[in-house]
Amino acid sequence: MIVYAQALQTVITAAAAVLPEEMLAPEQAVNRIAANAVHSAVQIPPFNNSAMDGFALHCPPAGLEAGTELPVSHAIAAGDMPLATVTGACEIMTGAAVPEGCTAIIPIEHVSVLAHDAEGRPQRILLQADVSAGQHLRFAGEDVALGDALLASGARIGPSHVLLLAGAGVTEVAVRRRPRIALIATGRELIDDPKQALQPGQIRNSNAPYLSARLQQWGAQVVYRATVADDPQAFIQAVQAASAESIDMLITTGAVSMGRFDFIPDTLQSLGAEILFHKVAMRPGKPILLARLASGTLCFG
């Protein structure tokens, strides 16, 4: 018997092999493990833009005082081509590129429009609040600078990563292949079919569905699942069928303790498996087993 810390380190060492890479679009890669770091080839945002609907204007370092009147020479919306230097103020919408030389945005609710043109566009405004240089500006590269890491190697990809990758125009990311897992439950008392009536001494097989759901939640693929009676030969056949699915890991439930029907340790050894540990000083879970099959596949009992 070994202590928990030793068992954990044995698991980590045994599972050190790296799975192959595959390329996926960021939205398809959620909950997958990044195989490589991804660095931004662009800056986000790509240009200075307005955080408010209002007016862009040149603001000296000392600021502008309320009561200042300014002419309005242009209007620019998000998606419009950036304007060259403007005179006075420029009507601007949230997300629009800030014209060169404009150093602040005053929100529309902080101005009075003194005059409109024939089409109703502002021609002259009065500032109703003081303006500070840089206010309500979103600067180029403020969120992501050129070369910044968007994704770390080994990170589990989440929706926030997808946001960053999409913003940087990344079309594919390298991720590790999902581990291929087989589940074999043992015990003649187990009933898989929920519609089947239980006979005396029988119980529903709840461990296998639970483990399958957990494994998929963690990003694995359950490629084989079987329930066998307390029969070493039936277990061997199930292991062989699971191995034919090119599995990375086998998980079994039951038959690893010290009872007369706990046949898995001996049966695995008869198949050429190496027992890495059997029984850990913890409660519950003392009879847990870790073995390496002759093929190299890890088996947790």
Foldseek 3Di string as FASTA:
>chain_A
DAAPVVVVVLVCVLPVDFFDKDKDFLVVQALFAFQAWDWFQAAPPNAKWFQAQAKFAAAPQVWAAFFDKFFEDEEWEAPDDADEDDGTIYGYHGNTHHHPRGFWGDHRVQKDQPDAPPVRHGTMIGGNGITHGNYRMDGTRNVHNRGHTLGHHGDRRHPSSSVVCVSRVNGMGMGGDAAEEEEEEEAPQEDDDPPDDHDPSHDYPPVVVVVCVVSVVNRHHHPYYYYYYLDLVVVVVRVVVSVVVVGQAYEYDDLQDPDPSSCVVVSQVVQVKAWPDAAYPDPPPRGWTWIQHPVRHIYID
